[in-house]
Amino acid sequence: MRVLIIVLVLLLALLQFKLWFGDGGYRDIASLEERVATQEAENEMLLNRNRELRAEVDDLRERLDAIEERARSELGLIRDGETFYQVVPEGSAAPRRVDEEGGA
């Protein structure tokens, strides 16, 4: 009877060890849950970015003034008849004048 109890205790210890530290045990599950949470947070961030980009694309498709605004701010384009002024901070390189033919 004593041998049977010892065998059962050893078997229980082995199973507990495998449950806590073996493949697919609690440690692996905790690690996987952490990775899933990280991936879900990243997915949410990317979904928000996709929504913003989709809204911007829709805006550019539907509104000509949005295209003009973007051309002015990002490309520095101006309309015919407008005058472009560039403010140069003090202490930077000497300003140069560009005439209308595009020469310096």
PDB file of N, CA and C in Angstrom:
ATOM      1  N   MET A   1       0.814  -1.183   0.000  1.00  0.00           N
ATOM      2  CA  MET A   1       0.000   0.000   0.000  1.00  0.00           C
ATOM      3  C   MET A   1       0.865   1.258   0.000  1.00  0.00           C
ATOM      4  N   ARG A   2       1.953   1.228   0.700  1.00  0.00           N
ATOM      5  CA  ARG A   2       2.847   2.367   0.779  1.00  0.00           C
ATOM      6  C   ARG A   2       3.474   2.649  -0.577  1.00  0.00           C
ATOM      7  N   VAL A   3       3.823   1.626  -1.312  1.00  0.00           N
ATOM      8  CA  VAL A   3       4.421   1.769  -2.642  1.00  0.00           C
ATOM      9  C   VAL A   3       3.402   2.420  -3.588  1.00  0.00           C
ATOM     10  N   LEU A   4       2.160   2.031  -3.485  1.00  0.00           N
ATOM     11  CA  LEU A   4       1.110   2.590  -4.318  1.00  0.00           C
ATOM     12  C   LEU A   4       0.947   4.094  -4.064  1.00  0.00           C
ATOM     13  N   ILE A   5       1.005   4.522  -2.822  1.00  0.00           N
ATOM     14  CA  ILE A   5       0.876   5.944  -2.471  1.00  0.00           C
ATOM     15  C   ILE A   5       2.061   6.727  -3.035  1.00  0.00           C
ATOM     16  N   ILE A   6       3.260   6.169  -2.917  1.00  0.00           N
ATOM     17  CA  ILE A   6       4.460   6.830  -3.441  1.00  0.00           C
ATOM     18  C   ILE A   6       4.360   6.966  -4.962  1.00  0.00           C
ATOM     19  N   VAL A   7       3.916   5.928  -5.631  1.00  0.00           N
ATOM     20  CA  VAL A   7       3.770   5.955  -7.096  1.00  0.00           C
ATOM     21  C   VAL A   7       2.728   7.009  -7.498  1.00  0.00           C
ATOM     22  N   LEU A   8       1.614   7.067  -6.773  1.00  0.00           N
ATOM     23  CA  LEU A   8       0.582   8.034  -7.079  1.00  0.00           C
ATOM     24  C   LEU A   8       1.059   9.470  -6.838  1.00  0.00           C
ATOM     25  N   VAL A   9       1.800   9.703  -5.764  1.00  0.00           N
ATOM     26  CA  VAL A   9       2.349  11.028  -5.480  1.00  0.00           C
ATOM     27  C   VAL A   9       3.338  11.440  -6.566  1.00  0.00           C
ATOM     28  N   LEU A  10       4.213  10.504  -6.984  1.00  0.00           N
ATOM     29  CA  LEU A  10       5.163  10.797  -8.063  1.00  0.00           C
ATOM     30  C   LEU A  10       4.434  11.091  -9.383  1.00  0.00           C
ATOM     31  N   LEU A  11       3.412  10.342  -9.661  1.00  0.00           N
ATOM     32  CA  LEU A  11       2.619  10.556 -10.866  1.00  0.00           C
ATOM     33  C   LEU A  11       1.935  11.927 -10.822  1.00  0.00           C
ATOM     34  N   LEU A  12       1.395  12.294  -9.659  1.00  0.00           N
ATOM     35  CA  LEU A  12       0.775  13.598  -9.498  1.00  0.00           C
ATOM     36  C   LEU A  12       1.808  14.715  -9.684  1.00  0.00           C
ATOM     37  N   ALA A  13       3.002  14.560  -9.117  1.00  0.00           N
ATOM     38  CA  ALA A  13       4.069  15.556  -9.258  1.00  0.00           C
ATOM     39  C   ALA A  13       4.481  15.696 -10.723  1.00  0.00           C
ATOM     40  N   LEU A  14       4.596  14.582 -11.420  1.00  0.00           N
ATOM     41  CA  LEU A  14       4.962  14.609 -12.834  1.00  0.00           C
ATOM     42  C   LEU A  14       3.897  15.324 -13.667  1.00  0.00           C
ATOM     43  N   LEU A  15       2.647  15.041 -13.395  1.00  0.00           N
ATOM     44  CA  LEU A  15       1.566  15.686 -14.124  1.00  0.00           C
ATOM     45  C   LEU A  15       1.513  17.191 -13.831  1.00  0.00           C
ATOM     46  N   GLN A  16       1.728  17.555 -12.569  1.00  0.00           N
ATOM     47  CA  GLN A  16       1.750  18.965 -12.211  1.00  0.00           C
ATOM     48  C   GLN A  16       2.908  19.696 -12.905  1.00  0.00           C
ATOM     49  N   PHE A  17       4.063  19.043 -12.941  1.00  0.00           N
ATOM     50  CA  PHE A  17       5.218  19.641 -13.613  1.00  0.00           C
ATOM     51  C   PHE A  17       4.907  19.880 -15.092  1.00  0.00           C
ATOM     52  N   LYS A  18       4.321  18.874 -15.723  1.00  0.00           N
ATOM     53  CA  LYS A  18       3.984  18.975 -17.142  1.00  0.00           C
ATOM     54  C   LYS A  18       2.916  20.058 -17.354  1.00  0.00           C
ATOM     55  N   LEU A  19       1.967  20.176 -16.424  1.00  0.00           N
ATOM     56  CA  LEU A  19       0.914  21.177 -16.532  1.00  0.00           C
ATOM     57  C   LEU A  19       1.486  22.590 -16.457  1.00  0.00           C
ATOM     58  N   TRP A  20       2.416  22.817 -15.555  1.00  0.00           N
ATOM     59  CA  TRP A  20       2.947  24.157 -15.358  1.00  0.00           C
ATOM     60  C   TRP A  20       4.086  24.499 -16.320  1.00  0.00           C
ATOM     61  N   PHE A  21       4.967  23.569 -16.614  1.00  0.00           N
ATOM     62  CA  PHE A  21       6.184  23.889 -17.350  1.00  0.00           C
ATOM     63  C   PHE A  21       6.310  23.190 -18.703  1.00  0.00           C
ATOM     64  N   GLY A  22       5.468  22.240 -19.010  1.00  0.00           N
ATOM     65  CA  GLY A  22       5.578  21.488 -20.257  1.00  0.00           C
ATOM     66  C   GLY A  22       5.000  22.238 -21.446  1.00  0.00           C
ATOM     67  N   ASP A  23       5.125  21.634 -22.625  1.00  0.00           N
ATOM     68  CA  ASP A  23       4.562  22.215 -23.839  1.00  0.00           C
ATOM     69  C   ASP A  23       3.054  22.320 -23.708  1.00  0.00           C
ATOM     70  N   GLY A  24       2.530  23.491 -23.996  1.00  0.00           N
ATOM     71  CA  GLY A  24       1.098  23.717 -23.887  1.00  0.00           C
ATOM     72  C   GLY A  24       0.633  23.926 -22.469  1.00  0.00           C
ATOM     73  N   GLY A  25       1.554  24.131 -21.545  1.00  0.00           N
ATOM     74  CA  GLY A  25       1.192  24.350 -20.147  1.00  0.00           C
ATOM     75  C   GLY A  25       0.788  25.791 -19.898  1.00  0.00           C
ATOM     76  N   TYR A  26       0.622  26.121 -18.640  1.00  0.00           N
ATOM     77  CA  TYR A  26       0.171  27.446 -18.260  1.00  0.00           C
ATOM     78  C   TYR A  26       1.125  28.548 -18.714  1.00  0.00           C
ATOM     79  N   ARG A  27       2.411  28.304 -18.677  1.00  0.00           N
ATOM     80  CA  ARG A  27       3.380  29.320 -19.087  1.00  0.00           C
ATOM     81  C   ARG A  27       3.241  29.619 -20.573  1.00  0.00           C
ATOM     82  N   ASP A  28       3.074  28.586 -21.380  1.00  0.00           N
ATOM     83  CA  ASP A  28       2.900  28.791 -22.821  1.00  0.00           C
ATOM     84  C   ASP A  28       1.602  29.530 -23.111  1.00  0.00           C
ATOM     85  N   ILE A  29       0.556  29.170 -22.405  1.00  0.00           N
ATOM     86  CA  ILE A  29      -0.739  29.826 -22.610  1.00  0.00           C
ATOM     87  C   ILE A  29      -0.648  31.305 -22.223  1.00  0.00           C
ATOM     88  N   ALA A  30       0.008  31.610 -21.123  1.00  0.00           N
ATOM     89  CA  ALA A  30       0.163  33.004 -20.693  1.00  0.00           C
ATOM     90  C   ALA A  30       0.961  33.788 -21.728  1.00  0.00           C
ATOM     91  N   SER A  31       1.999  33.187 -22.262  1.00  0.00           N
ATOM     92  CA  SER A  31       2.806  33.840 -23.289  1.00  0.00           C
ATOM     93  C   SER A  31       1.983  34.098 -24.549  1.00  0.00           C
ATOM     94  N   LEU A  32       1.204  33.123 -24.955  1.00  0.00           N
ATOM     95  CA  LEU A  32       0.368  33.274 -26.141  1.00  0.00           C
ATOM     96  C   LEU A  32      -0.719  34.333 -25.936  1.00  0.00           C
ATOM     97  N   GLU A  33      -1.297  34.384 -24.745  1.00  0.00           N
ATOM     98  CA  GLU A  33      -2.312  35.401 -24.459  1.00  0.00           C
ATOM     99  C   GLU A  33      -1.712  36.797 -24.525  1.00  0.00           C
ATOM    100  N   GLU A  34      -0.489  36.944 -24.058  1.00  0.00           N
ATOM    101  CA  GLU A  34       0.192  38.237 -24.132  1.00  0.00           C
ATOM    102  C   GLU A  34       0.455  38.626 -25.585  1.00  0.00           C
ATOM    103  N   ARG A  35       0.888  37.672 -26.397  1.00  0.00           N
ATOM    104  CA  ARG A  35       1.120  37.950 -27.824  1.00  0.00           C
ATOM    105  C   ARG A  35      -0.178  38.310 -28.536  1.00  0.00           C
ATOM    106  N   VAL A  36      -1.266  37.644 -28.187  1.00  0.00           N
ATOM    107  CA  VAL A  36      -2.564  37.942 -28.793  1.00  0.00           C
ATOM    108  C   VAL A  36      -2.996  39.365 -28.428  1.00  0.00           C
ATOM    109  N   ALA A  37      -2.825  39.753 -27.171  1.00  0.00           N
ATOM    110  CA  ALA A  37      -3.194  41.103 -26.744  1.00  0.00           C
ATOM    111  C   ALA A  37      -2.366  42.155 -27.480  1.00  0.00           C
ATOM    112  N   THR A  38      -1.080  41.905 -27.638  1.00  0.00           N
ATOM    113  CA  THR A  38      -0.215  42.825 -28.372  1.00  0.00           C
ATOM    114  C   THR A  38      -0.655  42.938 -29.823  1.00  0.00           C
ATOM    115  N   GLN A  39      -0.949  41.806 -30.441  1.00  0.00           N
ATOM    116  CA  GLN A  39      -1.380  41.807 -31.843  1.00  0.00           C
ATOM    117  C   GLN A  39      -2.721  42.507 -32.012  1.00  0.00           C
ATOM    118  N   GLU A  40      -3.642  42.323 -31.072  1.00  0.00           N
ATOM    119  CA  GLU A  40      -4.942  42.995 -31.144  1.00  0.00           C
ATOM    120  C   GLU A  40      -4.780  44.511 -31.045  1.00  0.00           C
ATOM    121  N   ALA A  41      -3.872  44.967 -30.178  1.00  0.00           N
ATOM    122  CA  ALA A  41      -3.625  46.405 -30.050  1.00  0.00           C
ATOM    123  C   ALA A  41      -3.039  46.956 -31.351  1.00  0.00           C
ATOM    124  N   GLU A  42      -2.112  46.231 -31.942  1.00  0.00           N
ATOM    125  CA  GLU A  42      -1.519  46.658 -33.213  1.00  0.00           C
ATOM    126  C   GLU A  42      -2.576  46.667 -34.322  1.00  0.00           C
ATOM    127  N   ASN A  43      -3.429  45.652 -34.346  1.00  0.00           N
ATOM    128  CA  ASN A  43      -4.496  45.592 -35.350  1.00  0.00           C
ATOM    129  C   ASN A  43      -5.440  46.776 -35.220  1.00  0.00           C
ATOM    130  N   GLU A  44      -5.795  47.140 -33.993  1.00  0.00           N
ATOM    131  CA  GLU A  44      -6.680  48.274 -33.769  1.00  0.00           C
ATOM    132  C   GLU A  44      -6.040  49.564 -34.274  1.00  0.00           C
ATOM    133  N   MET A  45      -4.745  49.734 -34.001  1.00  0.00           N
ATOM    134  CA  MET A  45      -4.034  50.910 -34.471  1.00  0.00           C
ATOM    135  C   MET A  45      -4.037  50.959 -36.005  1.00  0.00           C
ATOM    136  N   LEU A  46      -3.794  49.824 -36.644  1.00  0.00           N
ATOM    137  CA  LEU A  46      -3.774  49.779 -38.102  1.00  0.00           C
ATOM    138  C   LEU A  46      -5.170  50.000 -38.690  1.00  0.00           C
ATOM    139  N   LEU A  47      -6.204  49.504 -38.035  1.00  0.00           N
ATOM    140  CA  LEU A  47      -7.563  49.755 -38.502  1.00  0.00           C
ATOM    141  C   LEU A  47      -7.901  51.243 -38.457  1.00  0.00           C
ATOM    142  N   ASN A  48      -7.486  51.909 -37.390  1.00  0.00           N
ATOM    143  CA  ASN A  48      -7.715  53.350 -37.288  1.00  0.00           C
ATOM    144  C   ASN A  48      -6.985  54.100 -38.397  1.00  0.00           C
ATOM    145  N   ARG A  49      -5.756  53.691 -38.654  1.00  0.00           N
ATOM    146  CA  ARG A  49      -4.976  54.320 -39.729  1.00  0.00           C
ATOM    147  C   ARG A  49      -5.640  54.077 -41.081  1.00  0.00           C
ATOM    148  N   ASN A  50      -6.132  52.868 -41.310  1.00  0.00           N
ATOM    149  CA  ASN A  50      -6.823  52.564 -42.562  1.00  0.00           C
ATOM    150  C   ASN A  50      -8.081  53.418 -42.721  1.00  0.00           C
ATOM    151  N   ARG A  51      -8.817  53.614 -41.620  1.00  0.00           N
ATOM    152  CA  ARG A  51     -10.017  54.463 -41.680  1.00  0.00           C
ATOM    153  C   ARG A  51      -9.657  55.890 -42.069  1.00  0.00           C
ATOM    154  N   GLU A  52      -8.583  56.410 -41.466  1.00  0.00           N
ATOM    155  CA  GLU A  52      -8.143  57.763 -41.783  1.00  0.00           C
ATOM    156  C   GLU A  52      -7.729  57.881 -43.245  1.00  0.00           C
ATOM    157  N   LEU A  53      -6.972  56.897 -43.729  1.00  0.00           N
ATOM    158  CA  LEU A  53      -6.540  56.921 -45.129  1.00  0.00           C
ATOM    159  C   LEU A  53      -7.731  56.794 -46.077  1.00  0.00           C
ATOM    160  N   ARG A  54      -8.672  55.933 -45.737  1.00  0.00           N
ATOM    161  CA  ARG A  54      -9.863  55.769 -46.576  1.00  0.00           C
ATOM    162  C   ARG A  54     -10.662  57.069 -46.635  1.00  0.00           C
ATOM    163  N   ALA A  55     -10.784  57.755 -45.501  1.00  0.00           N
ATOM    164  CA  ALA A  55     -11.496  59.026 -45.475  1.00  0.00           C
ATOM    165  C   ALA A  55     -10.762  60.066 -46.317  1.00  0.00           C
ATOM    166  N   GLU A  56      -9.449  60.075 -46.246  1.00  0.00           N
ATOM    167  CA  GLU A  56      -8.670  61.018 -47.044  1.00  0.00           C
ATOM    168  C   GLU A  56      -8.817  60.727 -48.536  1.00  0.00           C
ATOM    169  N   VAL A  57      -8.789  59.465 -48.918  1.00  0.00           N
ATOM    170  CA  VAL A  57      -8.970  59.091 -50.323  1.00  0.00           C
ATOM    171  C   VAL A  57     -10.356  59.501 -50.806  1.00  0.00           C
ATOM    172  N   ASP A  58     -11.374  59.235 -50.007  1.00  0.00           N
ATOM    173  CA  ASP A  58     -12.731  59.631 -50.376  1.00  0.00           C
ATOM    174  C   ASP A  58     -12.834  61.151 -50.532  1.00  0.00           C
ATOM    175  N   ASP A  59     -12.190  61.866 -49.623  1.00  0.00           N
ATOM    176  CA  ASP A  59     -12.194  63.322 -49.678  1.00  0.00           C
ATOM    177  C   ASP A  59     -11.533  63.808 -50.966  1.00  0.00           C
ATOM    178  N   LEU A  60     -10.402  63.220 -51.326  1.00  0.00           N
ATOM    179  CA  LEU A  60      -9.702  63.630 -52.540  1.00  0.00           C
ATOM    180  C   LEU A  60     -10.490  63.255 -53.793  1.00  0.00           C
ATOM    181  N   ARG A  61     -11.223  62.174 -53.760  1.00  0.00           N
ATOM    182  CA  ARG A  61     -12.033  61.772 -54.916  1.00  0.00           C
ATOM    183  C   ARG A  61     -13.224  62.700 -55.125  1.00  0.00           C
ATOM    184  N   GLU A  62     -13.810  63.187 -54.050  1.00  0.00           N
ATOM    185  CA  GLU A  62     -15.063  63.921 -54.140  1.00  0.00           C
ATOM    186  C   GLU A  62     -14.890  65.438 -54.193  1.00  0.00           C
ATOM    187  N   ARG A  63     -13.831  65.968 -53.620  1.00  0.00           N
ATOM    188  CA  ARG A  63     -13.717  67.418 -53.505  1.00  0.00           C
ATOM    189  C   ARG A  63     -12.477  67.936 -54.219  1.00  0.00           C
ATOM    190  N   LEU A  64     -12.665  68.834 -55.161  1.00  0.00           N
ATOM    191  CA  LEU A  64     -11.547  69.433 -55.873  1.00  0.00           C
ATOM    192  C   LEU A  64     -10.758  70.384 -54.978  1.00  0.00           C
ATOM    193  N   ASP A  65     -11.430  71.052 -54.048  1.00  0.00           N
ATOM    194  CA  ASP A  65     -10.715  71.969 -53.163  1.00  0.00           C
ATOM    195  C   ASP A  65      -9.747  71.230 -52.248  1.00  0.00           C
ATOM    196  N   ALA A  66     -10.039  69.974 -51.928  1.00  0.00           N
ATOM    197  CA  ALA A  66      -9.099  69.179 -51.129  1.00  0.00           C
ATOM    198  C   ALA A  66      -7.842  68.888 -51.930  1.00  0.00           C
ATOM    199  N   ILE A  67      -8.007  68.630 -53.222  1.00  0.00           N
ATOM    200  CA  ILE A  67      -6.841  68.390 -54.083  1.00  0.00           C
ATOM    201  C   ILE A  67      -6.013  69.663 -54.195  1.00  0.00           C
ATOM    202  N   GLU A  68      -6.696  70.791 -54.377  1.00  0.00           N
ATOM    203  CA  GLU A  68      -5.976  72.063 -54.477  1.00  0.00           C
ATOM    204  C   GLU A  68      -5.222  72.375 -53.184  1.00  0.00           C
ATOM    205  N   GLU A  69      -5.874  72.152 -52.060  1.00  0.00           N
ATOM    206  CA  GLU A  69      -5.232  72.398 -50.760  1.00  0.00           C
ATOM    207  C   GLU A  69      -3.977  71.558 -50.594  1.00  0.00           C
ATOM    208  N   ARG A  70      -4.073  70.302 -50.982  1.00  0.00           N
ATOM    209  CA  ARG A  70      -2.923  69.403 -50.865  1.00  0.00           C
ATOM    210  C   ARG A  70      -1.792  69.831 -51.800  1.00  0.00           C
ATOM    211  N   ALA A  71      -2.134  70.234 -53.034  1.00  0.00           N
ATOM    212  CA  ALA A  71      -1.120  70.686 -53.982  1.00  0.00           C
ATOM    213  C   ALA A  71      -0.422  71.939 -53.468  1.00  0.00           C
ATOM    214  N   ARG A  72      -1.184  72.824 -52.847  1.00  0.00           N
ATOM    215  CA  ARG A  72      -0.585  74.049 -52.316  1.00  0.00           C
ATOM    216  C   ARG A  72       0.344  73.760 -51.128  1.00  0.00           C
ATOM    217  N   SER A  73      -0.111  72.932 -50.213  1.00  0.00           N
ATOM    218  CA  SER A  73       0.676  72.711 -48.995  1.00  0.00           C
ATOM    219  C   SER A  73       1.856  71.783 -49.209  1.00  0.00           C
ATOM    220  N   GLU A  74       1.680  70.718 -49.981  1.00  0.00           N
ATOM    221  CA  GLU A  74       2.756  69.729 -50.121  1.00  0.00           C
ATOM    222  C   GLU A  74       3.689  70.009 -51.287  1.00  0.00           C
ATOM    223  N   LEU A  75       3.149  70.581 -52.363  1.00  0.00           N
ATOM    224  CA  LEU A  75       3.965  70.793 -53.556  1.00  0.00           C
ATOM    225  C   LEU A  75       4.349  72.253 -53.765  1.00  0.00           C
ATOM    226  N   GLY A  76       3.745  73.150 -52.991  1.00  0.00           N
ATOM    227  CA  GLY A  76       4.070  74.559 -53.111  1.00  0.00           C
ATOM    228  C   GLY A  76       3.528  75.192 -54.385  1.00  0.00           C
ATOM    229  N   LEU A  77       2.477  74.641 -54.956  1.00  0.00           N
ATOM    230  CA  LEU A  77       1.915  75.181 -56.189  1.00  0.00           C
ATOM    231  C   LEU A  77       1.097  76.440 -55.908  1.00  0.00           C
ATOM    232  N   ILE A  78       1.087  77.339 -56.909  1.00  0.00           N
ATOM    233  CA  ILE A  78       0.290  78.556 -56.814  1.00  0.00           C
ATOM    234  C   ILE A  78      -0.501  78.713 -58.100  1.00  0.00           C
ATOM    235  N   ARG A  79      -1.570  79.496 -58.043  1.00  0.00           N
ATOM    236  CA  ARG A  79      -2.396  79.753 -59.219  1.00  0.00           C
ATOM    237  C   ARG A  79      -1.762  80.841 -60.081  1.00  0.00           C
ATOM    238  N   ASP A  80      -2.197  80.907 -61.337  1.00  0.00           N
ATOM    239  CA  ASP A  80      -1.780  81.992 -62.216  1.00  0.00           C
ATOM    240  C   ASP A  80      -2.255  83.309 -61.622  1.00  0.00           C
ATOM    241  N   GLY A  81      -1.376  84.287 -61.635  1.00  0.00           N
ATOM    242  CA  GLY A  81      -1.729  85.605 -61.126  1.00  0.00           C
ATOM    243  C   GLY A  81      -1.451  85.777 -59.644  1.00  0.00           C
ATOM    244  N   GLU A  82      -1.174  84.724 -58.921  1.00  0.00           N
ATOM    245  CA  GLU A  82      -0.852  84.832 -57.495  1.00  0.00           C
ATOM    246  C   GLU A  82       0.638  85.112 -57.332  1.00  0.00           C
ATOM    247  N   THR A  83       0.995  85.728 -56.242  1.00  0.00           N
ATOM    248  CA  THR A  83       2.391  86.007 -55.933  1.00  0.00           C
ATOM    249  C   THR A  83       2.795  85.156 -54.741  1.00  0.00           C
ATOM    250  N   PHE A  84       3.920  84.494 -54.863  1.00  0.00           N
ATOM    251  CA  PHE A  84       4.409  83.617 -53.804  1.00  0.00           C
ATOM    252  C   PHE A  84       5.448  84.368 -52.995  1.00  0.00           C
ATOM    253  N   TYR A  85       5.266  84.406 -51.699  1.00  0.00           N
ATOM    254  CA  TYR A  85       6.224  85.013 -50.788  1.00  0.00           C
ATOM    255  C   TYR A  85       6.767  83.931 -49.875  1.00  0.00           C
ATOM    256  N   GLN A  86       8.085  83.913 -49.741  1.00  0.00           N
ATOM    257  CA  GLN A  86       8.717  82.954 -48.835  1.00  0.00           C
ATOM    258  C   GLN A  86       9.416  83.739 -47.739  1.00  0.00           C
ATOM    259  N   VAL A  87       9.095  83.433 -46.511  1.00  0.00           N
ATOM    260  CA  VAL A  87       9.695  84.110 -45.369  1.00  0.00           C
ATOM    261  C   VAL A  87      10.939  83.335 -44.957  1.00  0.00           C
ATOM    262  N   VAL A  88      12.068  84.040 -44.968  1.00  0.00           N
ATOM    263  CA  VAL A  88      13.341  83.415 -44.622  1.00  0.00           C
ATOM    264  C   VAL A  88      13.759  83.932 -43.252  1.00  0.00           C
ATOM    265  N   PRO A  89      13.996  83.035 -42.287  1.00  0.00           N
ATOM    266  CA  PRO A  89      14.418  83.484 -40.951  1.00  0.00           C
ATOM    267  C   PRO A  89      15.770  84.197 -41.002  1.00  0.00           C
ATOM    268  N   GLU A  90      15.961  85.115 -40.089  1.00  0.00           N
ATOM    269  CA  GLU A  90      17.239  85.824 -40.018  1.00  0.00           C
ATOM    270  C   GLU A  90      18.368  84.850 -39.732  1.00  0.00           C
ATOM    271  N   GLY A  91      19.528  85.143 -40.313  1.00  0.00           N
ATOM    272  CA  GLY A  91      20.703  84.313 -40.072  1.00  0.00           C
ATOM    273  C   GLY A  91      20.816  83.136 -41.016  1.00  0.00           C
ATOM    274  N   SER A  92      19.839  82.892 -41.855  1.00  0.00           N
ATOM    275  CA  SER A  92      19.957  81.797 -42.812  1.00  0.00           C
ATOM    276  C   SER A  92      20.586  82.338 -44.090  1.00  0.00           C
ATOM    277  N   ALA A  93      20.724  81.500 -45.085  1.00  0.00           N
ATOM    278  CA  ALA A  93      21.365  81.872 -46.335  1.00  0.00           C
ATOM    279  C   ALA A  93      20.689  83.090 -46.937  1.00  0.00           C
ATOM    280  N   ALA A  94      21.463  83.860 -47.692  1.00  0.00           N
ATOM    281  CA  ALA A  94      20.939  85.070 -48.312  1.00  0.00           C
ATOM    282  C   ALA A  94      19.812  84.718 -49.273  1.00  0.00           C
ATOM    283  N   PRO A  95      18.724  85.494 -49.245  1.00  0.00           N
ATOM    284  CA  PRO A  95      17.610  85.201 -50.156  1.00  0.00           C
ATOM    285  C   PRO A  95      18.012  85.480 -51.597  1.00  0.00           C
ATOM    286  N   ARG A  96      17.442  84.722 -52.509  1.00  0.00           N
ATOM    287  CA  ARG A  96      17.716  84.966 -53.910  1.00  0.00           C
ATOM    288  C   ARG A  96      16.401  85.182 -54.621  1.00  0.00           C
ATOM    289  N   ARG A  97      16.452  85.954 -55.651  1.00  0.00           N
ATOM    290  CA  ARG A  97      15.255  86.315 -56.399  1.00  0.00           C
ATOM    291  C   ARG A  97      15.119  85.394 -57.586  1.00  0.00           C
ATOM    292  N   VAL A  98      13.923  84.868 -57.752  1.00  0.00           N
ATOM    293  CA  VAL A  98      13.637  84.002 -58.888  1.00  0.00           C
ATOM    294  C   VAL A  98      12.654  84.736 -59.783  1.00  0.00           C
ATOM    295  N   ASP A  99      13.059  84.989 -61.048  1.00  0.00           N
ATOM    296  CA  ASP A  99      12.138  85.685 -61.938  1.00  0.00           C
ATOM    297  C   ASP A  99      11.152  84.703 -62.538  1.00  0.00           C
ATOM    298  N   GLU A 100      10.175  85.229 -63.263  1.00  0.00           N
ATOM    299  CA  GLU A 100       9.051  84.424 -63.714  1.00  0.00           C
ATOM    300  C   GLU A 100       9.416  83.373 -64.739  1.00  0.00           C
ATOM    301  N   GLU A 101      10.518  83.496 -65.465  1.00  0.00           N
ATOM    302  CA  GLU A 101      10.901  82.499 -66.450  1.00  0.00           C
ATOM    303  C   GLU A 101      11.513  81.260 -65.788  1.00  0.00           C
ATOM    304  N   GLY A 102      11.716  81.277 -64.515  1.00  0.00           N
ATOM    305  CA  GLY A 102      12.253  80.113 -63.811  1.00  0.00           C
ATOM    306  C   GLY A 102      13.748  80.175 -63.612  1.00  0.00           C
ATOM    307  N   GLY A 103      14.414  81.211 -64.145  1.00  0.00           N
ATOM    308  CA  GLY A 103      15.857  81.336 -63.974  1.00  0.00           C
ATOM    309  C   GLY A 103      16.189  81.979 -62.655  1.00  0.00           C
ATOM    310  N   ALA A 104      17.480  82.003 -62.310  1.00  0.00           N
ATOM    311  CA  ALA A 104      17.893  82.597 -61.044  1.00  0.00           C
ATOM    312  C   ALA A 104      18.478  83.962 -61.241  1.00  0.00           C
TER     313      ALA A 104
END
